[in-house]
Amino acid sequence: GGRIFINTSLIDDDNLRDDCMIYKIPANTMAEGIGNIKSANMIM
């Protein structure tokens, strides 16, 4: 019943848990879009 947040820019997971909420966030790609890859952590 917990939550798993996945940076899909760096994590490719085909074996997701079905008993947790899964949030897929392409954080690195989004960070590149605003001009600084190091902001991926703040997106997450």
PDB file of all heavy atoms in Angstrom:
ATOM      1  N   GLY A   1       0.806  -1.214   0.000  1.00  0.00           N
ATOM      2  CA  GLY A   1       0.000   0.000   0.000  1.00  0.00           C
ATOM      3  C   GLY A   1       0.840   1.264   0.000  1.00  0.00           C
ATOM      4  O   GLY A   1       0.293   2.358   0.020  1.00  0.00           O
ATOM      5  N   GLY A   2       2.160   1.107  -0.028  1.00  0.00           N
ATOM      6  CA  GLY A   2       3.062   2.253  -0.031  1.00  0.00           C
ATOM      7  C   GLY A   2       3.166   2.903  -1.405  1.00  0.00           C
ATOM      8  O   GLY A   2       2.397   2.589  -2.322  1.00  0.00           O
ATOM      9  N   ARG A   3       4.148   3.774  -1.525  1.00  0.00           N
ATOM     10  CA  ARG A   3       4.335   4.532  -2.765  1.00  0.00           C
ATOM     11  C   ARG A   3       5.766   4.362  -3.269  1.00  0.00           C
ATOM     12  O   ARG A   3       6.709   4.445  -2.481  1.00  0.00           O
ATOM     13  CB  ARG A   3       4.050   6.015  -2.507  1.00  0.00           C
ATOM     14  CG  ARG A   3       2.597   6.309  -2.159  1.00  0.00           C
ATOM     15  CD  ARG A   3       2.448   7.684  -1.525  1.00  0.00           C
ATOM     16  NE  ARG A   3       3.173   7.798  -0.268  1.00  0.00           N
ATOM     17  CZ  ARG A   3       2.689   7.466   0.927  1.00  0.00           C
ATOM     18  NH1 ARG A   3       1.469   6.988   1.039  1.00  0.00           N
ATOM     19  NH2 ARG A   3       3.419   7.611   2.014  1.00  0.00           N
ATOM     20  N   ILE A   4       5.889   4.159  -4.580  1.00  0.00           N
ATOM     21  CA  ILE A   4       7.200   4.047  -5.202  1.00  0.00           C
ATOM     22  C   ILE A   4       7.257   5.064  -6.336  1.00  0.00           C
ATOM     23  O   ILE A   4       6.432   5.041  -7.252  1.00  0.00           O
ATOM     24  CB  ILE A   4       7.467   2.623  -5.726  1.00  0.00           C
ATOM     25  CG1 ILE A   4       7.415   1.619  -4.564  1.00  0.00           C
ATOM     26  CG2 ILE A   4       8.806   2.571  -6.451  1.00  0.00           C
ATOM     27  CD1 ILE A   4       7.539   0.165  -4.981  1.00  0.00           C
ATOM     28  N   PHE A   5       8.227   5.955  -6.246  1.00  0.00           N
ATOM     29  CA  PHE A   5       8.452   7.001  -7.245  1.00  0.00           C
ATOM     30  C   PHE A   5       9.678   6.596  -8.050  1.00  0.00           C
ATOM     31  O   PHE A   5      10.749   6.394  -7.485  1.00  0.00           O
ATOM     32  CB  PHE A   5       8.681   8.348  -6.561  1.00  0.00           C
ATOM     33  CG  PHE A   5       7.510   8.795  -5.724  1.00  0.00           C
ATOM     34  CD1 PHE A   5       7.318   8.287  -4.447  1.00  0.00           C
ATOM     35  CD2 PHE A   5       6.603   9.710  -6.221  1.00  0.00           C
ATOM     36  CE1 PHE A   5       6.241   8.681  -3.672  1.00  0.00           C
ATOM     37  CE2 PHE A   5       5.516  10.115  -5.453  1.00  0.00           C
ATOM     38  CZ  PHE A   5       5.333   9.600  -4.181  1.00  0.00           C
ATOM     39  N   ILE A   6       9.502   6.482  -9.364  1.00  0.00           N
ATOM     40  CA  ILE A   6      10.559   5.958 -10.226  1.00  0.00           C
ATOM     41  C   ILE A   6      11.015   7.024 -11.205  1.00  0.00           C
ATOM     42  O   ILE A   6      10.209   7.569 -11.970  1.00  0.00           O
ATOM     43  CB  ILE A   6      10.059   4.743 -11.027  1.00  0.00           C
ATOM     44  CG1 ILE A   6       9.510   3.665 -10.084  1.00  0.00           C
ATOM     45  CG2 ILE A   6      11.170   4.178 -11.911  1.00  0.00           C
ATOM     46  CD1 ILE A   6       8.748   2.565 -10.802  1.00  0.00           C
ATOM     47  N   ASN A   7      12.310   7.324 -11.202  1.00  0.00           N
ATOM     48  CA  ASN A   7      12.896   8.204 -12.206  1.00  0.00           C
ATOM     49  C   ASN A   7      13.085   7.369 -13.472  1.00  0.00           C
ATOM     50  O   ASN A   7      14.081   6.680 -13.637  1.00  0.00           O
ATOM     51  CB  ASN A   7      14.230   8.768 -11.724  1.00  0.00           C
ATOM     52  CG  ASN A   7      14.916   9.626 -12.772  1.00  0.00           C
ATOM     53  OD1 ASN A   7      14.363   9.894 -13.837  1.00  0.00           O
ATOM     54  ND2 ASN A   7      16.125  10.062 -12.466  1.00  0.00           N
ATOM     55  N   THR A   8      12.095   7.423 -14.350  1.00  0.00           N
ATOM     56  CA  THR A   8      12.108   6.561 -15.539  1.00  0.00           C
ATOM     57  C   THR A   8      13.173   6.960 -16.554  1.00  0.00           C
ATOM     58  O   THR A   8      13.415   6.208 -17.496  1.00  0.00           O
ATOM     59  CB  THR A   8      10.724   6.532 -16.211  1.00  0.00           C
ATOM     60  OG1 THR A   8      10.337   7.863 -16.562  1.00  0.00           O
ATOM     61  CG2 THR A   8       9.687   5.900 -15.287  1.00  0.00           C
ATOM     62  N   SER A   9      13.819   8.088 -16.352  1.00  0.00           N
ATOM     63  CA  SER A   9      14.937   8.454 -17.216  1.00  0.00           C
ATOM     64  C   SER A   9      16.135   7.535 -16.980  1.00  0.00           C
ATOM     65  O   SER A   9      16.941   7.322 -17.886  1.00  0.00           O
ATOM     66  CB  SER A   9      15.372   9.902 -16.970  1.00  0.00           C
ATOM     67  OG  SER A   9      14.344  10.804 -17.256  1.00  0.00           O
ATOM     68  N   LEU A  10      16.245   6.995 -15.763  1.00  0.00           N
ATOM     69  CA  LEU A  10      17.395   6.149 -15.424  1.00  0.00           C
ATOM     70  C   LEU A  10      17.015   4.753 -14.940  1.00  0.00           C
ATOM     71  O   LEU A  10      17.887   3.910 -14.748  1.00  0.00           O
ATOM     72  CB  LEU A  10      18.237   6.831 -14.333  1.00  0.00           C
ATOM     73  CG  LEU A  10      18.853   8.172 -14.696  1.00  0.00           C
ATOM     74  CD1 LEU A  10      19.624   8.735 -13.503  1.00  0.00           C
ATOM     75  CD2 LEU A  10      19.749   8.059 -15.912  1.00  0.00           C
ATOM     76  N   ILE A  11      15.725   4.524 -14.713  1.00  0.00           N
ATOM     77  CA  ILE A  11      15.283   3.221 -14.203  1.00  0.00           C
ATOM     78  C   ILE A  11      14.277   2.630 -15.179  1.00  0.00           C
ATOM     79  O   ILE A  11      13.251   3.234 -15.469  1.00  0.00           O
ATOM     80  CB  ILE A  11      14.631   3.348 -12.808  1.00  0.00           C
ATOM     81  CG1 ILE A  11      15.635   3.904 -11.797  1.00  0.00           C
ATOM     82  CG2 ILE A  11      14.087   1.999 -12.354  1.00  0.00           C
ATOM     83  CD1 ILE A  11      15.014   4.290 -10.462  1.00  0.00           C
ATOM     84  N   ASP A  12      14.598   1.445 -15.675  1.00  0.00           N
ATOM     85  CA  ASP A  12      13.691   0.708 -16.555  1.00  0.00           C
ATOM     86  C   ASP A  12      13.257  -0.533 -15.789  1.00  0.00           C
ATOM     87  O   ASP A  12      14.039  -1.445 -15.576  1.00  0.00           O
ATOM     88  CB  ASP A  12      14.417   0.331 -17.845  1.00  0.00           C
ATOM     89  CG  ASP A  12      13.510  -0.332 -18.855  1.00  0.00           C
ATOM     90  OD1 ASP A  12      12.282  -0.188 -18.736  1.00  0.00           O
ATOM     91  OD2 ASP A  12      14.035  -0.992 -19.772  1.00  0.00           O
ATOM     92  N   ASP A  13      12.018  -0.528 -15.318  1.00  0.00           N
ATOM     93  CA  ASP A  13      11.539  -1.619 -14.479  1.00  0.00           C
ATOM     94  C   ASP A  13      10.287  -2.236 -15.097  1.00  0.00           C
ATOM     95  O   ASP A  13       9.225  -1.626 -15.122  1.00  0.00           O
ATOM     96  CB  ASP A  13      11.227  -1.097 -13.068  1.00  0.00           C
ATOM     97  CG  ASP A  13      10.904  -2.217 -12.090  1.00  0.00           C
ATOM     98  OD1 ASP A  13      10.805  -3.387 -12.511  1.00  0.00           O
ATOM     99  OD2 ASP A  13      10.756  -1.911 -10.892  1.00  0.00           O
ATOM    100  N   ASP A  14      10.433  -3.449 -15.591  1.00  0.00           N
ATOM    101  CA  ASP A  14       9.290  -4.167 -16.153  1.00  0.00           C
ATOM    102  C   ASP A  14       8.601  -5.040 -15.111  1.00  0.00           C
ATOM    103  O   ASP A  14       7.618  -5.694 -15.400  1.00  0.00           O
ATOM    104  CB  ASP A  14       9.744  -5.055 -17.324  1.00  0.00           C
ATOM    105  CG  ASP A  14      10.218  -4.234 -18.504  1.00  0.00           C
ATOM    106  OD1 ASP A  14       9.712  -3.107 -18.691  1.00  0.00           O
ATOM    107  OD2 ASP A  14      11.107  -4.713 -19.240  1.00  0.00           O
ATOM    108  N   ASN A  15       9.138  -5.053 -13.912  1.00  0.00           N
ATOM    109  CA  ASN A  15       8.607  -5.902 -12.847  1.00  0.00           C
ATOM    110  C   ASN A  15       8.103  -5.029 -11.698  1.00  0.00           C
ATOM    111  O   ASN A  15       8.625  -5.058 -10.590  1.00  0.00           O
ATOM    112  CB  ASN A  15       9.706  -6.862 -12.358  1.00  0.00           C
ATOM    113  CG  ASN A  15       9.161  -7.922 -11.444  1.00  0.00           C
ATOM    114  OD1 ASN A  15       7.967  -8.218 -11.447  1.00  0.00           O
ATOM    115  ND2 ASN A  15      10.034  -8.492 -10.633  1.00  0.00           N
ATOM    116  N   LEU A  16       7.066  -4.222 -11.980  1.00  0.00           N
ATOM    117  CA  LEU A  16       6.532  -3.298 -10.995  1.00  0.00           C
ATOM    118  C   LEU A  16       5.658  -4.027  -9.974  1.00  0.00           C
ATOM    119  O   LEU A  16       4.958  -4.974 -10.323  1.00  0.00           O
ATOM    120  CB  LEU A  16       5.717  -2.198 -11.681  1.00  0.00           C
ATOM    121  CG  LEU A  16       6.499  -1.308 -12.637  1.00  0.00           C
ATOM    122  CD1 LEU A  16       5.551  -0.368 -13.370  1.00  0.00           C
ATOM    123  CD2 LEU A  16       7.566  -0.520 -11.895  1.00  0.00           C
ATOM    124  N   ARG A  17       5.691  -3.554  -8.759  1.00  0.00           N
ATOM    125  CA  ARG A  17       4.841  -4.124  -7.718  1.00  0.00           C
ATOM    126  C   ARG A  17       3.397  -3.712  -7.961  1.00  0.00           C
ATOM    127  O   ARG A  17       3.119  -2.569  -8.328  1.00  0.00           O
ATOM    128  CB  ARG A  17       5.302  -3.641  -6.349  1.00  0.00           C
ATOM    129  CG  ARG A  17       6.633  -4.266  -5.963  1.00  0.00           C
ATOM    130  CD  ARG A  17       7.078  -3.889  -4.588  1.00  0.00           C
ATOM    131  NE  ARG A  17       6.050  -4.097  -3.580  1.00  0.00           N
ATOM    132  CZ  ARG A  17       6.223  -3.777  -2.305  1.00  0.00           C
ATOM    133  NH1 ARG A  17       7.357  -3.256  -1.896  1.00  0.00           N
ATOM    134  NH2 ARG A  17       5.245  -3.971  -1.435  1.00  0.00           N
ATOM    135  N   ASP A  18       2.486  -4.632  -7.722  1.00  0.00           N
ATOM    136  CA  ASP A  18       1.069  -4.318  -7.911  1.00  0.00           C
ATOM    137  C   ASP A  18       0.367  -4.006  -6.591  1.00  0.00           C
ATOM    138  O   ASP A  18      -0.827  -3.746  -6.569  1.00  0.00           O
ATOM    139  CB  ASP A  18       0.348  -5.431  -8.665  1.00  0.00           C
ATOM    140  CG  ASP A  18       0.377  -6.768  -7.935  1.00  0.00           C
ATOM    141  OD1 ASP A  18       0.915  -6.837  -6.809  1.00  0.00           O
ATOM    142  OD2 ASP A  18      -0.138  -7.743  -8.492  1.00  0.00           O
ATOM    143  N   ASP A  19       1.131  -4.017  -5.494  1.00  0.00           N
ATOM    144  CA  ASP A  19       0.537  -3.724  -4.198  1.00  0.00           C
ATOM    145  C   ASP A  19       0.953  -2.349  -3.657  1.00  0.00           C
ATOM    146  O   ASP A  19       0.767  -2.053  -2.486  1.00  0.00           O
ATOM    147  CB  ASP A  19       0.900  -4.817  -3.182  1.00  0.00           C
ATOM    148  CG  ASP A  19       2.397  -4.937  -2.951  1.00  0.00           C
ATOM    149  OD1 ASP A  19       3.191  -4.344  -3.730  1.00  0.00           O
ATOM    150  OD2 ASP A  19       2.792  -5.617  -1.985  1.00  0.00           O
ATOM    151  N   CYS A  20       1.525  -1.529  -4.528  1.00  0.00           N
ATOM    152  CA  CYS A  20       1.946  -0.176  -4.172  1.00  0.00           C
ATOM    153  C   CYS A  20       1.481   0.798  -5.246  1.00  0.00           C
ATOM    154  O   CYS A  20       1.261   0.405  -6.389  1.00  0.00           O
ATOM    155  CB  CYS A  20       3.474  -0.085  -4.076  1.00  0.00           C
ATOM    156  SG  CYS A  20       4.199  -0.973  -2.697  1.00  0.00           S
ATOM    157  N   MET A  21       1.362   2.056  -4.866  1.00  0.00           N
ATOM    158  CA  MET A  21       1.124   3.110  -5.851  1.00  0.00           C
ATOM    159  C   MET A  21       2.453   3.368  -6.552  1.00  0.00           C
ATOM    160  O   MET A  21       3.475   3.558  -5.886  1.00  0.00           O
ATOM    161  CB  MET A  21       0.641   4.403  -5.175  1.00  0.00           C
ATOM    162  CG  MET A  21      -0.737   4.320  -4.577  1.00  0.00           C
ATOM    163  SD  MET A  21      -2.037   4.213  -5.832  1.00  0.00           S
ATOM    164  CE  MET A  21      -1.769   5.682  -6.779  1.00  0.00           C
ATOM    165  N   ILE A  22       2.423   3.365  -7.861  1.00  0.00           N
ATOM    166  CA  ILE A  22       3.638   3.583  -8.647  1.00  0.00           C
ATOM    167  C   ILE A  22       3.517   4.921  -9.369  1.00  0.00           C
ATOM    168  O   ILE A  22       2.509   5.197 -10.036  1.00  0.00           O
ATOM    169  CB  ILE A  22       3.841   2.452  -9.690  1.00  0.00           C
ATOM    170  CG1 ILE A  22       3.838   1.074  -9.019  1.00  0.00           C
ATOM    171  CG2 ILE A  22       5.100   2.699 -10.510  1.00  0.00           C
ATOM    172  CD1 ILE A  22       4.989   0.793  -8.094  1.00  0.00           C
ATOM    173  N   TYR A  23       4.546   5.745  -9.238  1.00  0.00           N
ATOM    174  CA  TYR A  23       4.601   7.049  -9.900  1.00  0.00           C
ATOM    175  C   TYR A  23       5.820   7.055 -10.816  1.00  0.00           C
ATOM    176  O   TYR A  23       6.950   6.960 -10.336  1.00  0.00           O
ATOM    177  CB  TYR A  23       4.712   8.178  -8.876  1.00  0.00           C
ATOM    178  CG  TYR A  23       3.564   8.231  -7.901  1.00  0.00           C
ATOM    179  CD1 TYR A  23       3.618   7.529  -6.693  1.00  0.00           C
ATOM    180  CD2 TYR A  23       2.428   8.976  -8.184  1.00  0.00           C
ATOM    181  CE1 TYR A  23       2.564   7.578  -5.795  1.00  0.00           C
ATOM    182  CE2 TYR A  23       1.375   9.026  -7.282  1.00  0.00           C
ATOM    183  CZ  TYR A  23       1.447   8.322  -6.087  1.00  0.00           C
ATOM    184  OH  TYR A  23       0.407   8.382  -5.198  1.00  0.00           O
ATOM    185  N   LYS A  24       5.563   7.148 -12.104  1.00  0.00           N
ATOM    186  CA  LYS A  24       6.650   7.162 -13.086  1.00  0.00           C
ATOM    187  C   LYS A  24       6.921   8.608 -13.495  1.00  0.00           C
ATOM    188  O   LYS A  24       6.035   9.280 -14.019  1.00  0.00           O
ATOM    189  CB  LYS A  24       6.271   6.334 -14.307  1.00  0.00           C
ATOM    190  CG  LYS A  24       6.101   4.867 -14.010  1.00  0.00           C
ATOM    191  CD  LYS A  24       5.721   4.116 -15.272  1.00  0.00           C
ATOM    192  CE  LYS A  24       5.588   2.633 -15.023  1.00  0.00           C
ATOM    193  NZ  LYS A  24       5.284   1.895 -16.268  1.00  0.00           N
ATOM    194  N   ILE A  25       8.146   9.049 -13.255  1.00  0.00           N
ATOM    195  CA  ILE A  25       8.517  10.436 -13.498  1.00  0.00           C
ATOM    196  C   ILE A  25       9.817  10.467 -14.294  1.00  0.00           C
ATOM    197  O   ILE A  25      10.853  10.023 -13.793  1.00  0.00           O
ATOM    198  CB  ILE A  25       8.685  11.189 -12.159  1.00  0.00           C
ATOM    199  CG1 ILE A  25       7.372  11.129 -11.366  1.00  0.00           C
ATOM    200  CG2 ILE A  25       9.110  12.626 -12.377  1.00  0.00           C
ATOM    201  CD1 ILE A  25       7.545  10.879  -9.929  1.00  0.00           C
ATOM    202  N   PRO A  26       9.801  10.993 -15.518  1.00  0.00           N
ATOM    203  CA  PRO A  26      11.034  11.094 -16.299  1.00  0.00           C
ATOM    204  C   PRO A  26      11.855  12.311 -15.849  1.00  0.00           C
ATOM    205  O   PRO A  26      12.032  13.291 -16.591  1.00  0.00           O
ATOM    206  CB  PRO A  26      10.521  11.238 -17.731  1.00  0.00           C
ATOM    207  CG  PRO A  26       9.194  11.942 -17.568  1.00  0.00           C
ATOM    208  CD  PRO A  26       8.630  11.433 -16.267  1.00  0.00           C
ATOM    209  N   ALA A  27      12.358  12.258 -14.632  1.00  0.00           N
ATOM    210  CA  ALA A  27      12.950  13.432 -13.979  1.00  0.00           C
ATOM    211  C   ALA A  27      14.156  14.001 -14.718  1.00  0.00           C
ATOM    212  O   ALA A  27      14.272  15.220 -14.864  1.00  0.00           O
ATOM    213  CB  ALA A  27      13.314  13.093 -12.539  1.00  0.00           C
ATOM    214  N   ASN A  28      15.058  13.152 -15.176  1.00  0.00           N
ATOM    215  CA  ASN A  28      16.229  13.679 -15.878  1.00  0.00           C
ATOM    216  C   ASN A  28      15.840  14.358 -17.182  1.00  0.00           C
ATOM    217  O   ASN A  28      16.363  15.429 -17.509  1.00  0.00           O
ATOM    218  CB  ASN A  28      17.246  12.558 -16.145  1.00  0.00           C
ATOM    219  CG  ASN A  28      17.983  12.157 -14.901  1.00  0.00           C
ATOM    220  OD1 ASN A  28      17.360  11.813 -13.895  1.00  0.00           O
ATOM    221  ND2 ASN A  28      19.297  12.171 -14.953  1.00  0.00           N
ATOM    222  N   THR A  29      14.929  13.763 -17.906  1.00  0.00           N
ATOM    223  CA  THR A  29      14.458  14.358 -19.166  1.00  0.00           C
ATOM    224  C   THR A  29      13.788  15.696 -18.896  1.00  0.00           C
ATOM    225  O   THR A  29      14.021  16.680 -19.606  1.00  0.00           O
ATOM    226  CB  THR A  29      13.480  13.396 -19.873  1.00  0.00           C
ATOM    227  OG1 THR A  29      14.147  12.146 -20.084  1.00  0.00           O
ATOM    228  CG2 THR A  29      13.015  13.966 -21.191  1.00  0.00           C
ATOM    229  N   MET A  30      12.960  15.753 -17.856  1.00  0.00           N
ATOM    230  CA  MET A  30      12.291  17.001 -17.489  1.00  0.00           C
ATOM    231  C   MET A  30      13.314  18.054 -17.054  1.00  0.00           C
ATOM    232  O   MET A  30      13.183  19.238 -17.389  1.00  0.00           O
ATOM    233  CB  MET A  30      11.278  16.753 -16.380  1.00  0.00           C
ATOM    234  CG  MET A  30      10.099  15.887 -16.812  1.00  0.00           C
ATOM    235  SD  MET A  30       9.054  15.394 -15.419  1.00  0.00           S
ATOM    236  CE  MET A  30       8.285  16.955 -15.022  1.00  0.00           C
ATOM    237  N   ALA A  31      14.322  17.630 -16.303  1.00  0.00           N
ATOM    238  CA  ALA A  31      15.363  18.557 -15.838  1.00  0.00           C
ATOM    239  C   ALA A  31      16.150  19.131 -17.015  1.00  0.00           C
ATOM    240  O   ALA A  31      16.473  20.322 -17.033  1.00  0.00           O
ATOM    241  CB  ALA A  31      16.288  17.849 -14.859  1.00  0.00           C
ATOM    242  N   GLU A  32      16.448  18.294 -17.997  1.00  0.00           N
ATOM    243  CA  GLU A  32      17.119  18.798 -19.199  1.00  0.00           C
ATOM    244  C   GLU A  32      16.264  19.848 -19.888  1.00  0.00           C
ATOM    245  O   GLU A  32      16.767  20.832 -20.417  1.00  0.00           O
ATOM    246  CB  GLU A  32      17.420  17.644 -20.156  1.00  0.00           C
ATOM    247  CG  GLU A  32      18.528  16.738 -19.692  1.00  0.00           C
ATOM    248  CD  GLU A  32      18.687  15.483 -20.557  1.00  0.00           C
ATOM    249  OE1 GLU A  32      17.878  15.262 -21.485  1.00  0.00           O
ATOM    250  OE2 GLU A  32      19.622  14.718 -20.277  1.00  0.00           O
ATOM    251  N   GLY A  33      14.947  19.645 -19.852  1.00  0.00           N
ATOM    252  CA  GLY A  33      14.020  20.579 -20.484  1.00  0.00           C
ATOM    253  C   GLY A  33      14.010  21.958 -19.847  1.00  0.00           C
ATOM    254  O   GLY A  33      13.657  22.942 -20.504  1.00  0.00           O
ATOM    255  N   ILE A  34      14.377  22.041 -18.569  1.00  0.00           N
ATOM    256  CA  ILE A  34      14.442  23.363 -17.930  1.00  0.00           C
ATOM    257  C   ILE A  34      15.880  23.862 -17.809  1.00  0.00           C
ATOM    258  O   ILE A  34      16.136  24.882 -17.169  1.00  0.00           O
ATOM    259  CB  ILE A  34      13.730  23.393 -16.556  1.00  0.00           C
ATOM    260  CG1 ILE A  34      14.331  22.419 -15.568  1.00  0.00           C
ATOM    261  CG2 ILE A  34      12.237  23.163 -16.719  1.00  0.00           C
ATOM    262  CD1 ILE A  34      13.793  22.565 -14.137  1.00  0.00           C
ATOM    263  N   GLY A  35      16.803  23.140 -18.437  1.00  0.00           N
ATOM    264  CA  GLY A  35      18.156  23.659 -18.568  1.00  0.00           C
ATOM    265  C   GLY A  35      19.180  23.208 -17.557  1.00  0.00           C
ATOM    266  O   GLY A  35      20.316  23.673 -17.590  1.00  0.00           O
ATOM    267  N   ASN A  36      18.838  22.287 -16.648  1.00  0.00           N
ATOM    268  CA  ASN A  36      19.834  21.841 -15.685  1.00  0.00           C
ATOM    269  C   ASN A  36      19.500  20.432 -15.209  1.00  0.00           C
ATOM    270  O   ASN A  36      18.568  20.235 -14.422  1.00  0.00           O
ATOM    271  CB  ASN A  36      19.912  22.803 -14.492  1.00  0.00           C
ATOM    272  CG  ASN A  36      21.117  22.529 -13.612  1.00  0.00           C
ATOM    273  OD1 ASN A  36      21.543  21.394 -13.447  1.00  0.00           O
ATOM    274  ND2 ASN A  36      21.665  23.596 -13.044  1.00  0.00           N
ATOM    275  N   ILE A  37      20.277  19.467 -15.657  1.00  0.00           N
ATOM    276  CA  ILE A  37      20.060  18.062 -15.323  1.00  0.00           C
ATOM    277  C   ILE A  37      20.089  17.827 -13.810  1.00  0.00           C
ATOM    278  O   ILE A  37      19.445  16.916 -13.303  1.00  0.00           O
ATOM    279  CB  ILE A  37      21.105  17.163 -16.034  1.00  0.00           C
ATOM    280  CG1 ILE A  37      20.780  15.679 -15.878  1.00  0.00           C
ATOM    281  CG2 ILE A  37      22.502  17.437 -15.526  1.00  0.00           C
ATOM    282  CD1 ILE A  37      19.634  15.227 -16.696  1.00  0.00           C
ATOM    283  N   LYS A  38      20.812  18.677 -13.083  1.00  0.00           N
ATOM    284  CA  LYS A  38      20.935  18.497 -11.633  1.00  0.00           C
ATOM    285  C   LYS A  38      19.644  18.827 -10.884  1.00  0.00           C
ATOM    286  O   LYS A  38      19.566  18.600  -9.685  1.00  0.00           O
ATOM    287  CB  LYS A  38      22.098  19.326 -11.096  1.00  0.00           C
ATOM    288  CG  LYS A  38      23.435  18.797 -11.567  1.00  0.00           C
ATOM    289  CD  LYS A  38      24.569  19.511 -10.901  1.00  0.00           C
ATOM    290  CE  LYS A  38      25.878  18.860 -11.337  1.00  0.00           C
ATOM    291  NZ  LYS A  38      26.983  19.284 -10.501  1.00  0.00           N
ATOM    292  N   SER A  39      18.645  19.349 -11.568  1.00  0.00           N
ATOM    293  CA  SER A  39      17.373  19.648 -10.897  1.00  0.00           C
ATOM    294  C   SER A  39      16.420  18.452 -10.888  1.00  0.00           C
ATOM    295  O   SER A  39      15.308  18.545 -10.376  1.00  0.00           O
ATOM    296  CB  SER A  39      16.709  20.869 -11.536  1.00  0.00           C
ATOM    297  OG  SER A  39      16.385  20.610 -12.882  1.00  0.00           O
ATOM    298  N   ALA A  40      16.872  17.307 -11.396  1.00  0.00           N
ATOM    299  CA  ALA A  40      16.035  16.098 -11.395  1.00  0.00           C
ATOM    300  C   ALA A  40      15.630  15.718  -9.973  1.00  0.00           C
ATOM    301  O   ALA A  40      14.505  15.273  -9.741  1.00  0.00           O
ATOM    302  CB  ALA A  40      16.768  14.937 -12.066  1.00  0.00           C
ATOM    303  N   ASN A  41      16.520  15.920  -9.014  1.00  0.00           N
ATOM    304  CA  ASN A  41      16.195  15.585  -7.625  1.00  0.00           C
ATOM    305  C   ASN A  41      15.016  16.415  -7.114  1.00  0.00           C
ATOM    306  O   ASN A  41      14.141  15.896  -6.415  1.00  0.00           O
ATOM    307  CB  ASN A  41      17.418  15.755  -6.714  1.00  0.00           C
ATOM    308  CG  ASN A  41      17.915  17.188  -6.630  1.00  0.00           C
ATOM    309  OD1 ASN A  41      17.732  18.004  -7.535  1.00  0.00           O
ATOM    310  ND2 ASN A  41      18.580  17.505  -5.542  1.00  0.00           N
ATOM    311  N   MET A  42      14.963  17.688  -7.468  1.00  0.00           N
ATOM    312  CA  MET A  42      13.879  18.546  -6.990  1.00  0.00           C
ATOM    313  C   MET A  42      12.558  18.218  -7.687  1.00  0.00           C
ATOM    314  O   MET A  42      11.485  18.370  -7.097  1.00  0.00           O
ATOM    315  CB  MET A  42      14.239  20.022  -7.159  1.00  0.00           C
ATOM    316  CG  MET A  42      15.348  20.471  -6.251  1.00  0.00           C
ATOM    317  SD  MET A  42      14.872  20.368  -4.509  1.00  0.00           S
ATOM    318  CE  MET A  42      16.437  19.990  -3.757  1.00  0.00           C
ATOM    319  N   ILE A  43      12.630  17.747  -8.917  1.00  0.00           N
ATOM    320  CA  ILE A  43      11.419  17.280  -9.605  1.00  0.00           C
ATOM    321  C   ILE A  43      10.847  16.086  -8.856  1.00  0.00           C
ATOM    322  O   ILE A  43       9.647  16.012  -8.577  1.00  0.00           O
ATOM    323  CB  ILE A  43      11.724  16.937 -11.084  1.00  0.00           C
ATOM    324  CG1 ILE A  43      12.056  18.224 -11.850  1.00  0.00           C
ATOM    325  CG2 ILE A  43      10.556  16.185 -11.726  1.00  0.00           C
ATOM    326  CD1 ILE A  43      12.623  18.015 -13.243  1.00  0.00           C
ATOM    327  N   MET A  44      11.710  15.159  -8.497  1.00  0.00           N
ATOM    328  CA  MET A  44      11.266  13.979  -7.744  1.00  0.00           C
ATOM    329  C   MET A  44      10.735  14.371  -6.361  1.00  0.00           C
ATOM    330  O   MET A  44       9.723  13.827  -5.906  1.00  0.00           O
ATOM    331  CB  MET A  44      12.407  12.968  -7.604  1.00  0.00           C
ATOM    332  CG  MET A  44      12.866  12.358  -8.922  1.00  0.00           C
ATOM    333  SD  MET A  44      11.621  11.359  -9.762  1.00  0.00           S
ATOM    334  CE  MET A  44      11.615   9.888  -8.739  1.00  0.00           C
TER     335      MET A  44
END
